[in-house]
């Protein structure tokens, strides 16, 4: 290609080469300035750049800023909205469950410390090793008595 005047890549341009003392975007052929032609310190704001953004880490933004899906491993702070959690969230630990109603318990074992020392029994049907010396009231069924010879004070 023939040039009129100085060939720009061979000799720096001077004010004599610029007819109206300014270079406007209309004076530059589209596609002639490429990324390597622009100094990294040029300070061009991203709002002036068009096209697909493929790397913006130099602007202080995380990779996740350019996507609508982020792996949970990449979330280091902030609050996740409750709507993003399942309704039946499994607990890793129940240490923070402070208002759990006992009717919600379907399995497991209650620690003895959670039960009163003098646990009242609704029914004694399952008390199988109760010593007779512990009976303070009530009636002993005849079937629980001995069936031998009676002395003056005991049935043998």
C-alpha atoms as a PDB file:
ATOM      1  CA  UNK A   1       0.000   0.000   0.000  1.00  0.00           C
ATOM      2  CA  UNK A   2       1.367   3.376  -0.917  1.00  0.00           C
ATOM      3  CA  UNK A   3       1.418   6.113   1.679  1.00  0.00           C
ATOM      4  CA  UNK A   4       1.192   9.826   1.190  1.00  0.00           C
ATOM      5  CA  UNK A   5       3.565  11.322   3.672  1.00  0.00           C
ATOM      6  CA  UNK A   6       5.376   9.321   6.314  1.00  0.00           C
ATOM      7  CA  UNK A   7       4.543   5.635   6.844  1.00  0.00           C
ATOM      8  CA  UNK A   8       3.238   5.587  10.480  1.00  0.00           C
ATOM      9  CA  UNK A   9       4.940   2.358  11.482  1.00  0.00           C
ATOM     10  CA  UNK A  10       8.356   3.599  10.330  1.00  0.00           C
ATOM     11  CA  UNK A  11       8.462   7.163  11.653  1.00  0.00           C
ATOM     12  CA  UNK A  12       6.565   8.839  14.505  1.00  0.00           C
ATOM     13  CA  UNK A  13       3.847  11.231  13.386  1.00  0.00           C
ATOM     14  CA  UNK A  14       4.315  14.948  13.916  1.00  0.00           C
ATOM     15  CA  UNK A  15       1.854  17.812  14.037  1.00  0.00           C
ATOM     16  CA  UNK A  16       2.519  18.379  10.325  1.00  0.00           C
ATOM     17  CA  UNK A  17       1.068  14.926   9.609  1.00  0.00           C
ATOM     18  CA  UNK A  18      -2.166  15.728  11.473  1.00  0.00           C
ATOM     19  CA  UNK A  19      -4.094  18.159   9.334  1.00  0.00           C
ATOM     20  CA  UNK A  20      -6.758  19.409  11.794  1.00  0.00           C
ATOM     21  CA  UNK A  21      -4.554  19.039  14.931  1.00  0.00           C
ATOM     22  CA  UNK A  22      -6.551  16.091  16.281  1.00  0.00           C
ATOM     23  CA  UNK A  23      -7.127  12.444  15.541  1.00  0.00           C
ATOM     24  CA  UNK A  24     -10.759  11.463  15.806  1.00  0.00           C
ATOM     25  CA  UNK A  25     -12.161   7.938  15.749  1.00  0.00           C
ATOM     26  CA  UNK A  26     -13.429   8.662  12.226  1.00  0.00           C
ATOM     27  CA  UNK A  27      -9.771   9.144  11.174  1.00  0.00           C
ATOM     28  CA  UNK A  28      -8.856   5.602  12.283  1.00  0.00           C
ATOM     29  CA  UNK A  29      -9.698   2.670  10.079  1.00  0.00           C
ATOM     30  CA  UNK A  30     -11.786   0.096  11.974  1.00  0.00           C
ATOM     31  CA  UNK A  31      -9.757  -2.879  13.194  1.00  0.00           C
ATOM     32  CA  UNK A  32      -6.361  -1.161  12.896  1.00  0.00           C
ATOM     33  CA  UNK A  33      -5.830  -0.667  16.629  1.00  0.00           C
ATOM     34  CA  UNK A  34      -5.502  -3.950  18.494  1.00  0.00           C
ATOM     35  CA  UNK A  35      -5.051  -4.759  22.166  1.00  0.00           C
ATOM     36  CA  UNK A  36      -1.243  -4.856  21.926  1.00  0.00           C
ATOM     37  CA  UNK A  37      -1.254  -1.275  20.549  1.00  0.00           C
ATOM     38  CA  UNK A  38      -2.715   0.089  23.800  1.00  0.00           C
ATOM     39  CA  UNK A  39      -0.496   0.711  26.794  1.00  0.00           C
ATOM     40  CA  UNK A  40      -1.649  -1.117  29.956  1.00  0.00           C
ATOM     41  CA  UNK A  41      -1.520   2.202  31.825  1.00  0.00           C
ATOM     42  CA  UNK A  42      -3.906   3.875  29.370  1.00  0.00           C
ATOM     43  CA  UNK A  43      -6.751   3.838  31.901  1.00  0.00           C
ATOM     44  CA  UNK A  44      -9.525   2.965  29.474  1.00  0.00           C
ATOM     45  CA  UNK A  45     -12.711   2.335  31.447  1.00  0.00           C
ATOM     46  CA  UNK A  46     -14.653  -0.858  30.770  1.00  0.00           C
ATOM     47  CA  UNK A  47     -17.749   1.139  29.807  1.00  0.00           C
ATOM     48  CA  UNK A  48     -15.824   2.163  26.647  1.00  0.00           C
ATOM     49  CA  UNK A  49     -15.158  -1.454  25.653  1.00  0.00           C
ATOM     50  CA  UNK A  50     -17.668  -3.570  23.761  1.00  0.00           C
ATOM     51  CA  UNK A  51     -17.790  -7.272  23.048  1.00  0.00           C
ATOM     52  CA  UNK A  52     -17.511 -10.348  25.201  1.00  0.00           C
ATOM     53  CA  UNK A  53     -15.796  -9.836  28.538  1.00  0.00           C
ATOM     54  CA  UNK A  54     -13.537 -12.830  29.103  1.00  0.00           C
ATOM     55  CA  UNK A  55     -11.236 -11.654  31.880  1.00  0.00           C
ATOM     56  CA  UNK A  56     -11.890  -8.855  34.342  1.00  0.00           C
ATOM     57  CA  UNK A  57      -9.813  -9.920  37.332  1.00  0.00           C
ATOM     58  CA  UNK A  58      -7.548  -6.898  36.849  1.00  0.00           C
ATOM     59  CA  UNK A  59     -10.531  -4.700  37.735  1.00  0.00           C
ATOM     60  CA  UNK A  60     -10.834  -6.207  41.208  1.00  0.00           C
ATOM     61  CA  UNK A  61     -13.846  -8.355  40.383  1.00  0.00           C
ATOM     62  CA  UNK A  62     -14.013 -12.046  41.161  1.00  0.00           C
ATOM     63  CA  UNK A  63     -14.516 -14.558  38.388  1.00  0.00           C
ATOM     64  CA  UNK A  64     -18.016 -15.167  39.754  1.00  0.00           C
ATOM     65  CA  UNK A  65     -18.966 -11.579  38.862  1.00  0.00           C
ATOM     66  CA  UNK A  66     -19.292 -12.595  35.218  1.00  0.00           C
ATOM     67  CA  UNK A  67     -21.496 -15.628  35.733  1.00  0.00           C
ATOM     68  CA  UNK A  68     -24.939 -16.352  37.116  1.00  0.00           C
ATOM     69  CA  UNK A  69     -23.812 -19.621  38.708  1.00  0.00           C
ATOM     70  CA  UNK A  70     -21.230 -19.769  41.467  1.00  0.00           C
ATOM     71  CA  UNK A  71     -20.073 -22.876  43.263  1.00  0.00           C
ATOM     72  CA  UNK A  72     -20.925 -22.684  46.974  1.00  0.00           C
ATOM     73  CA  UNK A  73     -17.240 -23.364  47.738  1.00  0.00           C
ATOM     74  CA  UNK A  74     -16.495 -19.879  46.351  1.00  0.00           C
ATOM     75  CA  UNK A  75     -18.799 -18.085  48.800  1.00  0.00           C
ATOM     76  CA  UNK A  76     -16.640 -16.897  51.667  1.00  0.00           C
ATOM     77  CA  UNK A  77     -18.841 -14.242  53.224  1.00  0.00           C
ATOM     78  CA  UNK A  78     -22.260 -12.667  53.056  1.00  0.00           C
ATOM     79  CA  UNK A  79     -25.726 -14.026  53.688  1.00  0.00           C
ATOM     80  CA  UNK A  80     -27.471 -16.605  51.573  1.00  0.00           C
ATOM     81  CA  UNK A  81     -31.217 -15.884  51.220  1.00  0.00           C
ATOM     82  CA  UNK A  82     -33.446 -18.461  52.927  1.00  0.00           C
ATOM     83  CA  UNK A  83     -35.258 -19.107  49.645  1.00  0.00           C
ATOM     84  CA  UNK A  84     -32.038 -20.685  48.325  1.00  0.00           C
ATOM     85  CA  UNK A  85     -32.106 -23.343  51.081  1.00  0.00           C
ATOM     86  CA  UNK A  86     -34.279 -26.476  51.081  1.00  0.00           C
ATOM     87  CA  UNK A  87     -37.342 -26.497  53.331  1.00  0.00           C
ATOM     88  CA  UNK A  88     -36.035 -29.602  55.109  1.00  0.00           C
ATOM     89  CA  UNK A  89     -32.516 -28.384  55.785  1.00  0.00           C
ATOM     90  CA  UNK A  90     -30.515 -31.175  57.422  1.00  0.00           C
ATOM     91  CA  UNK A  91     -28.614 -29.976  60.465  1.00  0.00           C
ATOM     92  CA  UNK A  92     -24.932 -30.815  60.771  1.00  0.00           C
ATOM     93  CA  UNK A  93     -25.335 -30.296  64.500  1.00  0.00           C
ATOM     94  CA  UNK A  94     -28.387 -29.659  66.656  1.00  0.00           C
ATOM     95  CA  UNK A  95     -26.424 -27.431  69.043  1.00  0.00           C
ATOM     96  CA  UNK A  96     -28.300 -24.319  67.884  1.00  0.00           C
ATOM     97  CA  UNK A  97     -31.777 -25.849  68.113  1.00  0.00           C
ATOM     98  CA  UNK A  98     -32.924 -24.108  71.275  1.00  0.00           C
ATOM     99  CA  UNK A  99     -36.703 -24.232  70.915  1.00  0.00           C
ATOM    100  CA  UNK A 100     -37.312 -27.764  69.658  1.00  0.00           C
ATOM    101  CA  UNK A 101     -40.615 -29.145  70.918  1.00  0.00           C
ATOM    102  CA  UNK A 102     -40.429 -32.708  72.318  1.00  0.00           C
ATOM    103  CA  UNK A 103     -43.318 -33.710  70.037  1.00  0.00           C
ATOM    104  CA  UNK A 104     -40.871 -33.300  67.131  1.00  0.00           C
ATOM    105  CA  UNK A 105     -38.587 -36.064  68.453  1.00  0.00           C
ATOM    106  CA  UNK A 106     -39.097 -39.307  66.559  1.00  0.00           C
ATOM    107  CA  UNK A 107     -35.854 -41.108  67.347  1.00  0.00           C
ATOM    108  CA  UNK A 108     -32.729 -40.865  69.434  1.00  0.00           C
ATOM    109  CA  UNK A 109     -32.096 -40.878  73.158  1.00  0.00           C
ATOM    110  CA  UNK A 110     -32.666 -38.102  75.653  1.00  0.00           C
ATOM    111  CA  UNK A 111     -29.743 -37.622  78.020  1.00  0.00           C
ATOM    112  CA  UNK A 112     -30.582 -38.405  81.675  1.00  0.00           C
ATOM    113  CA  UNK A 113     -29.774 -34.805  82.597  1.00  0.00           C
ATOM    114  CA  UNK A 114     -32.838 -33.706  80.600  1.00  0.00           C
ATOM    115  CA  UNK A 115     -35.172 -35.884  82.736  1.00  0.00           C
ATOM    116  CA  UNK A 116     -36.251 -35.038  86.310  1.00  0.00           C
ATOM    117  CA  UNK A 117     -34.565 -36.987  89.119  1.00  0.00           C
ATOM    118  CA  UNK A 118     -37.941 -38.205  90.387  1.00  0.00           C
ATOM    119  CA  UNK A 119     -39.504 -39.156  87.099  1.00  0.00           C
ATOM    120  CA  UNK A 120     -43.235 -39.715  87.664  1.00  0.00           C
ATOM    121  CA  UNK A 121     -44.472 -42.844  85.917  1.00  0.00           C
ATOM    122  CA  UNK A 122     -47.783 -42.765  84.081  1.00  0.00           C
ATOM    123  CA  UNK A 123     -47.869 -46.544  84.454  1.00  0.00           C
ATOM    124  CA  UNK A 124     -45.696 -48.937  86.444  1.00  0.00           C
ATOM    125  CA  UNK A 125     -46.312 -51.793  84.032  1.00  0.00           C
ATOM    126  CA  UNK A 126     -42.684 -51.781  82.919  1.00  0.00           C
ATOM    127  CA  UNK A 127     -41.195 -51.669  86.429  1.00  0.00           C
ATOM    128  CA  UNK A 128     -39.969 -55.263  86.644  1.00  0.00           C
ATOM    129  CA  UNK A 129     -37.282 -55.065  89.319  1.00  0.00           C
ATOM    130  CA  UNK A 130     -39.107 -53.123  92.023  1.00  0.00           C
ATOM    131  CA  UNK A 131     -38.164 -54.213  95.532  1.00  0.00           C
ATOM    132  CA  UNK A 132     -41.119 -54.823  97.887  1.00  0.00           C
ATOM    133  CA  UNK A 133     -39.462 -52.585 100.484  1.00  0.00           C
ATOM    134  CA  UNK A 134     -40.162 -49.689  98.090  1.00  0.00           C
ATOM    135  CA  UNK A 135     -43.950 -50.195  98.331  1.00  0.00           C
ATOM    136  CA  UNK A 136     -45.364 -47.391 100.438  1.00  0.00           C
ATOM    137  CA  UNK A 137     -49.004 -47.655  99.438  1.00  0.00           C
ATOM    138  CA  UNK A 138     -51.377 -49.654  97.279  1.00  0.00           C
ATOM    139  CA  UNK A 139     -52.389 -53.290  97.281  1.00  0.00           C
ATOM    140  CA  UNK A 140     -50.300 -56.343  96.461  1.00  0.00           C
ATOM    141  CA  UNK A 141     -52.204 -58.792  94.279  1.00  0.00           C
ATOM    142  CA  UNK A 142     -52.779 -62.246  95.907  1.00  0.00           C
ATOM    143  CA  UNK A 143     -50.996 -63.905  92.996  1.00  0.00           C
ATOM    144  CA  UNK A 144     -47.816 -62.150  94.152  1.00  0.00           C
ATOM    145  CA  UNK A 145     -48.107 -63.750  97.626  1.00  0.00           C
ATOM    146  CA  UNK A 146     -46.674 -67.109  98.628  1.00  0.00           C
ATOM    147  CA  UNK A 147     -48.939 -70.166  98.578  1.00  0.00           C
ATOM    148  CA  UNK A 148     -47.756 -72.252 101.445  1.00  0.00           C
ATOM    149  CA  UNK A 149     -48.608 -72.874 105.017  1.00  0.00           C
ATOM    150  CA  UNK A 150     -49.687 -69.918 107.051  1.00  0.00           C
ATOM    151  CA  UNK A 151     -48.086 -69.156 110.371  1.00  0.00           C
ATOM    152  CA  UNK A 152     -49.430 -66.592 112.727  1.00  0.00           C
ATOM    153  CA  UNK A 153     -47.898 -63.674 110.825  1.00  0.00           C
ATOM    154  CA  UNK A 154     -46.657 -64.939 107.454  1.00  0.00           C
ATOM    155  CA  UNK A 155     -47.742 -66.997 104.528  1.00  0.00           C
ATOM    156  CA  UNK A 156     -45.038 -69.481 103.597  1.00  0.00           C
END
